[in-house]
Amino acid sequence: MLVAAGDGSTCVRRTGNRMSCWGRHQVLGNAATVDTATPTLVSGISKVVDIALGGSFACELDANLRAYCWGTAGYGQTGDGSTVTLARDYPVRVAGLTWMGSDGASTHVVAGTYHACSMVVAGGSYASAMCWGHNDKGQIGDGTTTDAWSATLVPAIAGKVVTIAAGGSHSCALLSDSTIKCWGLNTDGELGSGPSATANSSTPVAVAGLGPALDVTAGDTHTCALLKDRTVWCWGSNDSGQLGAKTNTISRVPVAVTWK
């Protein structure tokens, strides 16, 4: 069973690999017009293998390695290639997820507030990252700040991706050399690119001073990594102590989580 939580919504993969959602009506995927507290089946999808929730939109991967999204679409976050900004009431297939002639060979999907990213099989040992949706902070990673209405390759890390993460308006990838690179919003140091770094980046930048990593995850305005030595390091916004460093001070470089 898989479960994902977004902004006011929750979805789960059920027995039989169907998908049910509840909360905001936009993520229910069945043309609902009112919010619900009751799990409701998403229409037209089956064989679900991965799910992700953003801000009033949802995505899933099926057993055929195809990605589908639905919900609000004002910035292209459903990724179906259409610039029509009306919400997608039912799942629509993400356009452009191709690599090496393979049609929609996605292996993992993540979602931020208004953008999403997928790992795409690159024909070798590792994957590439492709993103779509809002790009005002460079969170798509293609070197522009233009919204992407279909899946767009993050060229700087093509064929090097182990896993990906999406924050509110930033994205990160763990790479085959055990480093982490991030892109997008950096107002609160979400990219971890240096103690004086404040500029957003529309291309991946290395997280500064981080040891070999095993995993990466992203919150709204902060990011954390699990390292090979089994320590956890975080960077970015820290107004609620989310970096786990016994302070409420923002950090633009990784700081170790301090355990009791």
Protein backbone atom coordinates (compact mmCIF):
# COMPACT_ATOMS: atom_id res chain seq x y z
CA MET A 1 0.00 0.00 0.00
CA LEU A 2 1.20 3.49 -0.85
CA VAL A 3 -0.06 6.68 0.74
CA ALA A 4 0.61 10.30 -0.18
CA ALA A 5 -0.42 13.57 1.47
CA GLY A 6 -0.67 16.93 -0.24
CA ASP A 7 -2.09 20.38 0.47
CA GLY A 8 -5.45 19.48 2.01
CA SER A 9 -5.68 16.05 0.38
CA THR A 10 -4.64 12.43 0.84
CA CYS A 11 -4.47 9.51 -1.60
CA VAL A 12 -3.76 5.82 -1.14
CA ARG A 13 -3.13 2.80 -3.31
CA ARG A 14 -5.69 0.20 -2.37
CA THR A 15 -5.82 -3.56 -2.60
CA GLY A 16 -6.06 -4.41 -6.28
CA ASN A 17 -3.79 -1.44 -7.11
CA ARG A 18 -6.65 1.03 -7.51
CA MET A 19 -6.34 4.54 -6.09
CA SER A 20 -8.63 6.42 -3.71
CA CYS A 21 -8.36 10.05 -2.61
CA TRP A 22 -10.12 12.33 -0.16
CA GLY A 23 -10.00 15.99 0.83
CA ARG A 24 -10.03 18.72 -1.82
CA HIS A 25 -12.33 17.87 -4.68
CA GLN A 26 -9.73 18.73 -7.33
CA VAL A 27 -7.68 15.64 -6.49
CA LEU A 28 -10.55 13.15 -6.47
CA GLY A 29 -10.20 12.51 -10.19
CA ASN A 30 -13.90 11.88 -10.78
CA ALA A 31 -15.32 15.34 -11.67
CA ALA A 32 -16.38 15.97 -8.07
CA THR A 33 -17.31 19.55 -7.22
CA VAL A 34 -17.26 19.35 -3.43
CA ASP A 35 -14.60 18.27 -0.94
CA THR A 36 -15.06 14.94 0.79
CA ALA A 37 -13.89 13.24 3.96
CA THR A 38 -14.59 9.82 2.46
CA PRO A 39 -12.02 7.92 0.33
CA THR A 40 -13.25 7.98 -3.27
CA LEU A 41 -11.97 5.94 -6.22
CA VAL A 42 -10.12 7.85 -8.92
CA SER A 43 -11.78 7.18 -12.27
CA GLY A 44 -10.10 5.44 -15.18
CA ILE A 45 -6.84 4.23 -13.64
CA SER A 46 -5.67 0.86 -12.38
CA LYS A 47 -2.42 -1.01 -11.73
CA VAL A 48 -1.10 1.95 -9.71
CA VAL A 49 2.55 1.62 -8.68
CA ASP A 50 3.40 5.13 -7.42
CA ILE A 51 1.47 8.23 -6.35
CA ALA A 52 2.24 11.88 -5.58
CA LEU A 53 0.19 14.86 -4.40
CA GLY A 54 0.88 18.54 -4.98
CA GLY A 55 -1.18 21.65 -4.32
CA SER A 56 -4.67 20.60 -5.47
CA PHE A 57 -3.40 18.18 -8.09
CA ALA A 58 -2.32 14.54 -8.05
CA CYS A 59 -0.22 12.18 -10.19
CA GLU A 60 0.30 8.44 -10.45
CA LEU A 61 2.37 5.90 -12.33
CA ASP A 62 0.86 2.68 -13.62
CA ALA A 63 2.42 -0.74 -14.19
CA ASN A 64 3.10 0.22 -17.82
CA LEU A 65 5.43 2.99 -16.57
CA ARG A 66 3.12 5.75 -17.75
CA ALA A 67 2.38 8.88 -15.71
CA TYR A 68 -1.04 10.47 -15.31
CA CYS A 69 -2.07 13.65 -13.46
CA TRP A 70 -5.32 15.50 -12.68
CA GLY A 71 -6.60 18.49 -10.76
CA THR A 72 -5.71 22.17 -11.04
CA ALA A 73 -3.75 22.95 -14.19
CA GLY A 74 -3.17 26.71 -14.24
CA TYR A 75 0.59 26.35 -14.65
CA GLY A 76 0.74 23.11 -16.59
CA GLN A 77 1.07 20.92 -13.51
CA THR A 78 -0.98 18.12 -15.08
CA GLY A 79 1.61 17.94 -17.86
CA ASP A 80 -0.72 16.82 -20.66
CA GLY A 81 0.69 19.29 -23.18
CA SER A 82 -2.38 21.52 -23.35
CA THR A 83 -2.12 25.18 -22.32
CA VAL A 84 -5.81 25.25 -21.37
CA THR A 85 -5.80 26.26 -17.70
CA LEU A 86 -9.08 24.60 -16.71
CA ALA A 87 -8.77 21.87 -14.10
CA ARG A 88 -8.52 18.31 -15.36
CA ASP A 89 -11.46 16.46 -13.79
CA TYR A 90 -10.09 13.05 -14.73
CA PRO A 91 -6.57 11.65 -15.08
CA VAL A 92 -4.72 12.76 -18.21
CA ARG A 93 -1.51 11.27 -19.48
CA VAL A 94 1.66 13.32 -18.99
CA ALA A 95 3.08 14.22 -22.40
CA GLY A 96 6.74 14.07 -23.37
CA LEU A 97 7.90 11.34 -20.99
CA THR A 98 10.03 9.50 -23.52
CA TRP A 99 13.64 8.40 -23.56
CA MET A 100 15.68 6.24 -25.92
CA GLY A 101 12.53 5.53 -27.93
CA SER A 102 10.67 4.19 -24.90
CA ASP A 103 7.15 5.52 -24.45
CA GLY A 104 6.48 6.85 -20.98
CA ALA A 105 9.10 4.77 -19.16
CA SER A 106 8.72 6.49 -15.78
CA THR A 107 9.79 4.83 -12.55
CA HIS A 108 8.99 7.41 -9.84
CA VAL A 109 6.89 10.57 -9.58
CA VAL A 110 7.00 13.45 -7.06
CA ALA A 111 5.02 16.68 -6.76
CA GLY A 112 5.61 20.17 -5.42
CA THR A 113 3.06 22.92 -4.96
CA TYR A 114 2.57 23.65 -8.68
CA HIS A 115 5.08 21.36 -10.40
CA ALA A 116 5.94 17.69 -10.64
CA CYS A 117 8.90 15.57 -11.68
CA SER A 118 9.41 11.99 -12.78
CA MET A 119 12.37 9.67 -13.07
CA VAL A 120 12.61 8.34 -16.61
CA VAL A 121 14.58 5.26 -17.60
CA ALA A 122 17.62 6.36 -19.55
CA GLY A 123 18.64 3.02 -21.03
CA GLY A 124 21.49 2.49 -18.56
CA SER A 125 21.99 1.86 -14.88
CA TYR A 126 20.51 5.23 -13.87
CA ALA A 127 17.62 7.47 -14.82
CA SER A 128 17.03 11.01 -15.98
CA ALA A 129 14.72 13.59 -14.41
CA MET A 130 11.88 15.28 -16.30
CA CYS A 131 9.68 17.98 -14.76
CA TRP A 132 6.58 19.96 -15.70
CA GLY A 133 4.38 22.76 -14.35
CA HIS A 134 5.14 26.11 -12.75
CA ASN A 135 8.68 27.35 -13.33
CA ASP A 136 8.78 30.87 -11.95
CA LYS A 137 11.69 29.97 -9.64
CA GLY A 138 13.43 27.61 -12.05
CA GLN A 139 12.02 24.49 -10.38
CA ILE A 140 11.76 22.66 -13.73
CA GLY A 141 15.55 22.73 -14.05
CA ASP A 142 15.83 23.31 -17.79
CA GLY A 143 17.67 26.63 -17.56
CA THR A 144 14.54 28.78 -18.05
CA THR A 145 11.77 30.25 -15.92
CA THR A 146 9.06 29.42 -18.46
CA ASP A 147 6.22 27.16 -17.33
CA ALA A 148 6.38 23.66 -18.82
CA TRP A 149 3.09 22.22 -20.07
CA SER A 150 4.61 18.82 -20.80
CA ALA A 151 7.49 16.85 -19.33
CA THR A 152 10.82 18.64 -19.84
CA LEU A 153 14.26 17.12 -19.41
CA VAL A 154 16.62 18.38 -16.71
CA PRO A 155 19.62 18.16 -19.07
CA ALA A 156 22.46 18.72 -16.60
CA ILE A 157 21.76 15.45 -14.75
CA ALA A 158 20.53 13.25 -17.60
CA GLY A 159 21.39 9.59 -17.06
CA LYS A 160 22.71 10.18 -13.53
CA VAL A 161 19.61 10.12 -11.30
CA VAL A 162 19.08 7.64 -8.44
CA THR A 163 16.03 9.33 -6.91
CA ILE A 164 14.27 12.71 -6.93
CA ALA A 165 12.36 14.99 -4.58
CA ALA A 166 10.08 18.01 -5.02
CA GLY A 167 9.57 20.80 -2.50
CA GLY A 168 7.22 23.74 -2.69
CA SER A 169 9.11 25.50 -5.48
CA HIS A 170 12.36 23.57 -5.65
CA SER A 171 13.50 20.13 -6.75
CA CYS A 172 16.44 17.88 -5.89
CA ALA A 173 18.06 14.71 -7.19
CA LEU A 174 20.38 12.14 -5.68
CA LEU A 175 22.95 11.28 -8.34
CA SER A 176 24.93 8.17 -9.16
CA ASP A 177 28.08 9.60 -7.55
CA SER A 178 26.20 9.93 -4.21
CA THR A 179 26.01 13.72 -4.45
CA ILE A 180 22.81 15.76 -4.35
CA LYS A 181 21.95 18.63 -6.66
CA CYS A 182 18.97 20.97 -6.30
CA TRP A 183 17.32 23.68 -8.39
CA GLY A 184 14.56 26.29 -8.09
CA LEU A 185 13.71 28.57 -5.17
CA ASN A 186 16.56 29.50 -2.83
CA THR A 187 15.09 32.31 -0.74
CA ASP A 188 15.57 30.33 2.46
CA GLY A 189 18.54 28.25 1.37
CA GLU A 190 16.45 25.37 0.00
CA LEU A 191 19.21 24.52 -2.49
CA GLY A 192 21.94 24.26 0.15
CA SER A 193 24.42 25.70 -2.31
CA GLY A 194 26.49 27.85 0.03
CA PRO A 195 26.41 30.04 3.14
CA SER A 196 26.02 33.23 1.10
CA ALA A 197 23.93 31.82 -1.76
CA THR A 198 20.53 33.49 -2.05
CA ALA A 199 19.81 33.37 -5.79
CA ASN A 200 17.33 30.95 -7.30
CA SER A 201 18.76 28.54 -9.86
CA SER A 202 17.08 27.23 -13.01
CA THR A 203 19.75 24.52 -13.35
CA PRO A 204 20.93 21.95 -10.78
CA VAL A 205 23.55 23.15 -8.29
CA ALA A 206 25.54 20.99 -5.89
CA VAL A 207 24.61 20.93 -2.22
CA ALA A 208 27.65 22.31 -0.43
CA GLY A 209 29.72 20.24 1.99
CA LEU A 210 27.49 17.16 2.05
CA GLY A 211 28.94 13.68 2.45
CA PRO A 212 27.96 10.68 0.30
CA ALA A 213 24.17 10.38 0.33
CA LEU A 214 21.63 7.56 0.19
CA ASP A 215 18.37 9.51 -0.12
CA VAL A 216 16.88 12.99 -0.38
CA THR A 217 13.50 14.46 0.52
CA ALA A 218 12.07 17.98 0.32
CA GLY A 219 9.57 19.99 2.32
CA ASP A 220 7.95 23.25 1.32
CA THR A 221 11.06 25.38 1.94
CA HIS A 222 13.64 22.97 3.34
CA THR A 223 15.44 19.80 2.26
CA CYS A 224 16.95 16.81 4.07
CA ALA A 225 19.27 13.96 3.14
CA LEU A 226 20.16 10.58 4.59
CA LEU A 227 23.88 9.95 4.27
CA LYS A 228 25.73 6.68 3.88
CA ASP A 229 27.02 7.00 7.45
CA ARG A 230 23.34 6.96 8.55
CA THR A 231 23.34 10.57 9.70
CA VAL A 232 20.62 12.99 8.60
CA TRP A 233 21.44 16.49 7.39
CA CYS A 234 19.01 19.30 6.53
CA TRP A 235 19.12 22.81 5.09
CA GLY A 236 16.78 25.70 4.30
CA SER A 237 13.98 27.33 6.26
CA ASN A 238 13.99 26.65 10.00
CA ASP A 239 11.28 28.83 11.52
CA SER A 240 9.67 25.83 13.20
CA GLY A 241 12.89 23.96 13.93
CA GLN A 242 12.42 21.70 10.90
CA LEU A 243 16.18 21.31 10.41
CA GLY A 244 16.44 19.42 13.69
CA ALA A 245 19.54 21.30 14.78
CA LYS A 246 18.18 22.58 18.14
CA THR A 247 17.83 26.11 16.76
CA ASN A 248 15.37 28.11 14.70
CA THR A 249 18.08 29.65 12.54
CA ILE A 250 17.94 29.32 8.78
CA SER A 251 20.84 27.40 7.23
CA ARG A 252 21.94 27.72 3.61
CA VAL A 253 24.25 24.72 3.96
CA PRO A 254 23.52 21.28 5.43
CA VAL A 255 23.48 20.95 9.22
CA ALA A 256 23.36 17.66 11.09
CA VAL A 257 20.17 16.64 12.83
CA THR A 258 20.94 16.55 16.53
CA TRP A 259 19.53 13.55 18.36
CA LYS A 260 18.65 13.59 22.05
